[in-house]
Amino acid sequence: MARQRLPVNRKVEMGMPSEQFLAIQETRRSGLRALRAALLEVHKEVIGYDRGQYERLHGPIPAGQFVQLITEEAFFRWLDPLSRLIVEIDEELDGDEHHDETCRAVAGATQKMFSERGDEAFRKRYQEALQDEASVTVAHGRLMSVIGQLRQLP
């Protein structure tokens, strides 16, 4: 049975040994996965916080109805930029190659989202959650650590 020939990668063509290229790709992929996991943790914690805030105003929400509320209720729209960023990382992870520019850009976009330069509506509500809920603070600390590590990738 003939072996299938893989396409030659442009990095390998530029003189980088394929083992080194594959190791760098795995490092970047691992960094993106770590960022995704940290963002999902933040997302989970702020949704839990926001659910409590919503239920204080509107009463208890059955579990099955809550998923629908998150996607349809204006109260939760502030979370959309965070959800979109997670989807963008998922799309990047679906690709075969991950470039350092892309990894740094994703880390930069994430850092911007959580800084004073980010979306004002997101920042305001996120700061409330950060100040009021210890689990959000812990998740935020992990996220900032991962961002720093991702920005240092080769």
C-alpha atoms as a PDB file:
ATOM      1  CA  MET A   1       0.000   0.000   0.000  1.00  0.00           C
ATOM      2  CA  ALA A   2       1.465   3.346  -1.022  1.00  0.00           C
ATOM      3  CA  ARG A   3       1.938   5.996   1.662  1.00  0.00           C
ATOM      4  CA  GLN A   4      -0.010   9.162   1.177  1.00  0.00           C
ATOM      5  CA  ARG A   5       2.264  12.148   0.646  1.00  0.00           C
ATOM      6  CA  LEU A   6       1.534  15.089   2.935  1.00  0.00           C
ATOM      7  CA  PRO A   7       1.729  18.614   1.555  1.00  0.00           C
ATOM      8  CA  VAL A   8       5.006  20.351   2.242  1.00  0.00           C
ATOM      9  CA  ASN A   9       4.626  23.100   4.813  1.00  0.00           C
ATOM     10  CA  ARG A  10       6.043  26.501   3.957  1.00  0.00           C
ATOM     11  CA  LYS A  11       7.851  26.683   7.329  1.00  0.00           C
ATOM     12  CA  VAL A  12       9.591  23.392   6.562  1.00  0.00           C
ATOM     13  CA  GLU A  13      10.455  24.722   3.128  1.00  0.00           C
ATOM     14  CA  MET A  14      12.121  27.692   4.805  1.00  0.00           C
ATOM     15  CA  GLY A  15      14.599  25.353   6.458  1.00  0.00           C
ATOM     16  CA  MET A  16      12.885  24.572   9.752  1.00  0.00           C
ATOM     17  CA  PRO A  17      13.037  20.861  10.534  1.00  0.00           C
ATOM     18  CA  SER A  18       9.574  19.327  10.496  1.00  0.00           C
ATOM     19  CA  GLU A  19       9.939  18.059  14.092  1.00  0.00           C
ATOM     20  CA  GLN A  20      10.650  21.593  15.285  1.00  0.00           C
ATOM     21  CA  PHE A  21       7.727  22.977  13.298  1.00  0.00           C
ATOM     22  CA  LEU A  22       5.379  20.346  14.741  1.00  0.00           C
ATOM     23  CA  ALA A  23       6.595  21.079  18.281  1.00  0.00           C
ATOM     24  CA  ILE A  24       5.968  24.801  17.817  1.00  0.00           C
ATOM     25  CA  GLN A  25       2.513  24.080  16.400  1.00  0.00           C
ATOM     26  CA  GLU A  26       1.659  21.908  19.403  1.00  0.00           C
ATOM     27  CA  THR A  27       2.879  24.607  21.790  1.00  0.00           C
ATOM     28  CA  ARG A  28       0.651  27.170  20.088  1.00  0.00           C
ATOM     29  CA  ARG A  29      -2.296  24.771  19.980  1.00  0.00           C
ATOM     30  CA  SER A  30      -1.833  24.047  23.693  1.00  0.00           C
ATOM     31  CA  GLY A  31      -1.739  27.769  24.418  1.00  0.00           C
ATOM     32  CA  LEU A  32      -4.940  28.369  22.491  1.00  0.00           C
ATOM     33  CA  ARG A  33      -6.604  25.451  24.270  1.00  0.00           C
ATOM     34  CA  ALA A  34      -5.514  26.856  27.637  1.00  0.00           C
ATOM     35  CA  LEU A  35      -6.908  30.269  26.701  1.00  0.00           C
ATOM     36  CA  ARG A  36     -10.177  28.700  25.585  1.00  0.00           C
ATOM     37  CA  ALA A  37     -10.443  26.746  28.842  1.00  0.00           C
ATOM     38  CA  ALA A  38      -9.744  29.872  30.910  1.00  0.00           C
ATOM     39  CA  LEU A  39     -12.339  31.862  28.953  1.00  0.00           C
ATOM     40  CA  LEU A  40     -14.891  29.084  29.401  1.00  0.00           C
ATOM     41  CA  GLU A  41     -14.247  29.126  33.137  1.00  0.00           C
ATOM     42  CA  VAL A  42     -14.769  32.907  33.254  1.00  0.00           C
ATOM     43  CA  HIS A  43     -17.880  32.519  31.091  1.00  0.00           C
ATOM     44  CA  LYS A  44     -19.311  29.859  33.411  1.00  0.00           C
ATOM     45  CA  GLU A  45     -18.631  31.914  36.525  1.00  0.00           C
ATOM     46  CA  VAL A  46     -20.095  35.162  35.185  1.00  0.00           C
ATOM     47  CA  ILE A  47     -23.161  33.310  33.906  1.00  0.00           C
ATOM     48  CA  GLY A  48     -23.641  31.847  37.373  1.00  0.00           C
ATOM     49  CA  TYR A  49     -23.251  35.299  38.895  1.00  0.00           C
ATOM     50  CA  ASP A  50     -25.593  36.853  36.341  1.00  0.00           C
ATOM     51  CA  ARG A  51     -28.175  34.141  36.905  1.00  0.00           C
ATOM     52  CA  GLY A  52     -28.244  35.034  40.581  1.00  0.00           C
ATOM     53  CA  GLN A  53     -28.679  38.709  39.704  1.00  0.00           C
ATOM     54  CA  TYR A  54     -31.469  37.921  37.248  1.00  0.00           C
ATOM     55  CA  GLU A  55     -33.272  35.638  39.716  1.00  0.00           C
ATOM     56  CA  ARG A  56     -33.165  38.347  42.398  1.00  0.00           C
ATOM     57  CA  LEU A  57     -35.101  40.564  39.991  1.00  0.00           C
ATOM     58  CA  HIS A  58     -37.412  37.997  38.371  1.00  0.00           C
ATOM     59  CA  GLY A  59     -37.569  34.976  40.673  1.00  0.00           C
ATOM     60  CA  PRO A  60     -36.199  31.433  40.203  1.00  0.00           C
ATOM     61  CA  ILE A  61     -35.620  30.162  36.671  1.00  0.00           C
ATOM     62  CA  PRO A  62     -36.072  26.483  35.757  1.00  0.00           C
ATOM     63  CA  ALA A  63     -32.874  24.973  34.331  1.00  0.00           C
ATOM     64  CA  GLY A  64     -34.355  24.277  30.901  1.00  0.00           C
ATOM     65  CA  GLN A  65     -35.602  27.829  30.564  1.00  0.00           C
ATOM     66  CA  PHE A  66     -32.297  29.371  31.616  1.00  0.00           C
ATOM     67  CA  VAL A  67     -30.464  28.298  28.451  1.00  0.00           C
ATOM     68  CA  GLN A  68     -33.144  29.985  26.374  1.00  0.00           C
ATOM     69  CA  LEU A  69     -32.934  33.145  28.491  1.00  0.00           C
ATOM     70  CA  ILE A  70     -29.171  33.416  28.010  1.00  0.00           C
ATOM     71  CA  THR A  71     -29.570  33.421  24.249  1.00  0.00           C
ATOM     72  CA  GLU A  72     -32.671  35.623  24.026  1.00  0.00           C
ATOM     73  CA  GLU A  73     -32.908  37.935  27.049  1.00  0.00           C
ATOM     74  CA  ALA A  74     -31.359  41.418  26.733  1.00  0.00           C
ATOM     75  CA  PHE A  75     -30.135  41.131  30.336  1.00  0.00           C
ATOM     76  CA  PHE A  76     -27.466  38.665  29.159  1.00  0.00           C
ATOM     77  CA  ARG A  77     -26.410  40.421  25.905  1.00  0.00           C
ATOM     78  CA  TRP A  78     -23.341  41.868  27.581  1.00  0.00           C
ATOM     79  CA  LEU A  79     -21.834  38.359  27.453  1.00  0.00           C
ATOM     80  CA  ASP A  80     -21.959  38.212  23.642  1.00  0.00           C
ATOM     81  CA  PRO A  81     -18.389  39.519  23.069  1.00  0.00           C
ATOM     82  CA  LEU A  82     -17.033  36.823  25.387  1.00  0.00           C
ATOM     83  CA  SER A  83     -19.043  34.126  23.628  1.00  0.00           C
ATOM     84  CA  ARG A  84     -17.863  35.346  20.202  1.00  0.00           C
ATOM     85  CA  LEU A  85     -14.228  35.291  21.315  1.00  0.00           C
ATOM     86  CA  ILE A  86     -14.580  31.671  22.436  1.00  0.00           C
ATOM     87  CA  VAL A  87     -16.076  30.796  19.039  1.00  0.00           C
ATOM     88  CA  GLU A  88     -13.168  32.552  17.263  1.00  0.00           C
ATOM     89  CA  ILE A  89     -10.686  30.469  19.252  1.00  0.00           C
ATOM     90  CA  ASP A  90     -12.649  27.320  18.381  1.00  0.00           C
ATOM     91  CA  GLU A  91     -12.383  28.249  14.694  1.00  0.00           C
ATOM     92  CA  GLU A  92      -8.643  28.850  15.015  1.00  0.00           C
ATOM     93  CA  LEU A  93      -8.215  25.491  16.742  1.00  0.00           C
ATOM     94  CA  ASP A  94     -10.022  23.818  13.841  1.00  0.00           C
ATOM     95  CA  GLY A  95      -7.180  24.890  11.541  1.00  0.00           C
ATOM     96  CA  ASP A  96      -4.050  22.850  10.882  1.00  0.00           C
ATOM     97  CA  GLU A  97      -1.545  25.643  11.500  1.00  0.00           C
ATOM     98  CA  HIS A  98      -1.356  28.241  14.223  1.00  0.00           C
ATOM     99  CA  HIS A  99       0.878  31.244  13.648  1.00  0.00           C
ATOM    100  CA  ASP A 100       2.522  33.293  16.357  1.00  0.00           C
ATOM    101  CA  GLU A 101       0.857  36.455  15.017  1.00  0.00           C
ATOM    102  CA  THR A 102      -2.561  34.832  15.377  1.00  0.00           C
ATOM    103  CA  CYS A 103      -1.833  33.586  18.889  1.00  0.00           C
ATOM    104  CA  ARG A 104      -0.628  37.021  19.956  1.00  0.00           C
ATOM    105  CA  ALA A 105      -3.628  38.677  18.304  1.00  0.00           C
ATOM    106  CA  VAL A 106      -6.062  36.388  20.111  1.00  0.00           C
ATOM    107  CA  ALA A 107      -4.262  37.009  23.408  1.00  0.00           C
ATOM    108  CA  GLY A 108      -4.285  40.753  22.707  1.00  0.00           C
ATOM    109  CA  ALA A 109      -8.004  40.756  21.851  1.00  0.00           C
ATOM    110  CA  THR A 110      -8.718  38.857  25.054  1.00  0.00           C
ATOM    111  CA  GLN A 111      -6.597  41.194  27.137  1.00  0.00           C
ATOM    112  CA  LYS A 112      -8.264  44.224  25.529  1.00  0.00           C
ATOM    113  CA  MET A 113     -11.733  42.808  26.242  1.00  0.00           C
ATOM    114  CA  PHE A 114     -10.920  42.680  29.949  1.00  0.00           C
ATOM    115  CA  SER A 115      -9.170  46.070  30.078  1.00  0.00           C
ATOM    116  CA  GLU A 116     -10.338  49.684  30.122  1.00  0.00           C
ATOM    117  CA  ARG A 117     -10.014  49.748  26.323  1.00  0.00           C
ATOM    118  CA  GLY A 118     -12.631  47.020  25.906  1.00  0.00           C
ATOM    119  CA  ASP A 119     -16.362  47.237  25.264  1.00  0.00           C
ATOM    120  CA  GLU A 120     -17.827  49.566  27.918  1.00  0.00           C
ATOM    121  CA  ALA A 121     -21.011  47.559  28.515  1.00  0.00           C
ATOM    122  CA  PHE A 122     -19.015  44.354  28.948  1.00  0.00           C
ATOM    123  CA  ARG A 123     -16.420  46.000  31.168  1.00  0.00           C
ATOM    124  CA  LYS A 124     -19.017  47.566  33.480  1.00  0.00           C
ATOM    125  CA  ARG A 125     -20.941  44.350  34.098  1.00  0.00           C
ATOM    126  CA  TYR A 126     -17.790  42.258  34.283  1.00  0.00           C
ATOM    127  CA  GLN A 127     -16.296  44.581  36.918  1.00  0.00           C
ATOM    128  CA  GLU A 128     -19.453  44.180  39.011  1.00  0.00           C
ATOM    129  CA  ALA A 129     -19.149  40.393  38.828  1.00  0.00           C
ATOM    130  CA  LEU A 130     -15.424  40.578  39.545  1.00  0.00           C
ATOM    131  CA  GLN A 131     -15.988  42.653  42.676  1.00  0.00           C
ATOM    132  CA  ASP A 132     -19.005  40.724  43.955  1.00  0.00           C
ATOM    133  CA  GLU A 133     -18.131  37.086  43.253  1.00  0.00           C
ATOM    134  CA  ALA A 134     -14.941  35.377  44.458  1.00  0.00           C
ATOM    135  CA  SER A 135     -15.201  32.591  41.865  1.00  0.00           C
ATOM    136  CA  VAL A 136     -15.144  35.198  39.075  1.00  0.00           C
ATOM    137  CA  THR A 137     -12.042  36.749  40.635  1.00  0.00           C
ATOM    138  CA  VAL A 138     -10.262  33.377  40.753  1.00  0.00           C
ATOM    139  CA  ALA A 139     -11.229  32.588  37.135  1.00  0.00           C
ATOM    140  CA  HIS A 140     -10.070  36.054  36.080  1.00  0.00           C
ATOM    141  CA  GLY A 141      -6.671  35.488  37.694  1.00  0.00           C
ATOM    142  CA  ARG A 142      -6.229  32.222  35.815  1.00  0.00           C
ATOM    143  CA  LEU A 143      -7.253  33.908  32.571  1.00  0.00           C
ATOM    144  CA  MET A 144      -4.706  36.717  33.006  1.00  0.00           C
ATOM    145  CA  SER A 145      -1.993  34.141  33.680  1.00  0.00           C
ATOM    146  CA  VAL A 146      -2.852  32.227  30.500  1.00  0.00           C
ATOM    147  CA  ILE A 147      -2.907  35.454  28.453  1.00  0.00           C
ATOM    148  CA  GLY A 148       0.578  36.294  29.677  1.00  0.00           C
ATOM    149  CA  GLN A 149       1.849  32.844  28.766  1.00  0.00           C
ATOM    150  CA  LEU A 150       0.239  32.924  25.325  1.00  0.00           C
ATOM    151  CA  ARG A 151       1.770  36.300  24.516  1.00  0.00           C
ATOM    152  CA  GLN A 152       5.210  34.761  25.177  1.00  0.00           C
ATOM    153  CA  LEU A 153       4.829  31.850  22.739  1.00  0.00           C
ATOM    154  CA  PRO A 154       7.544  31.405  20.112  1.00  0.00           C
END
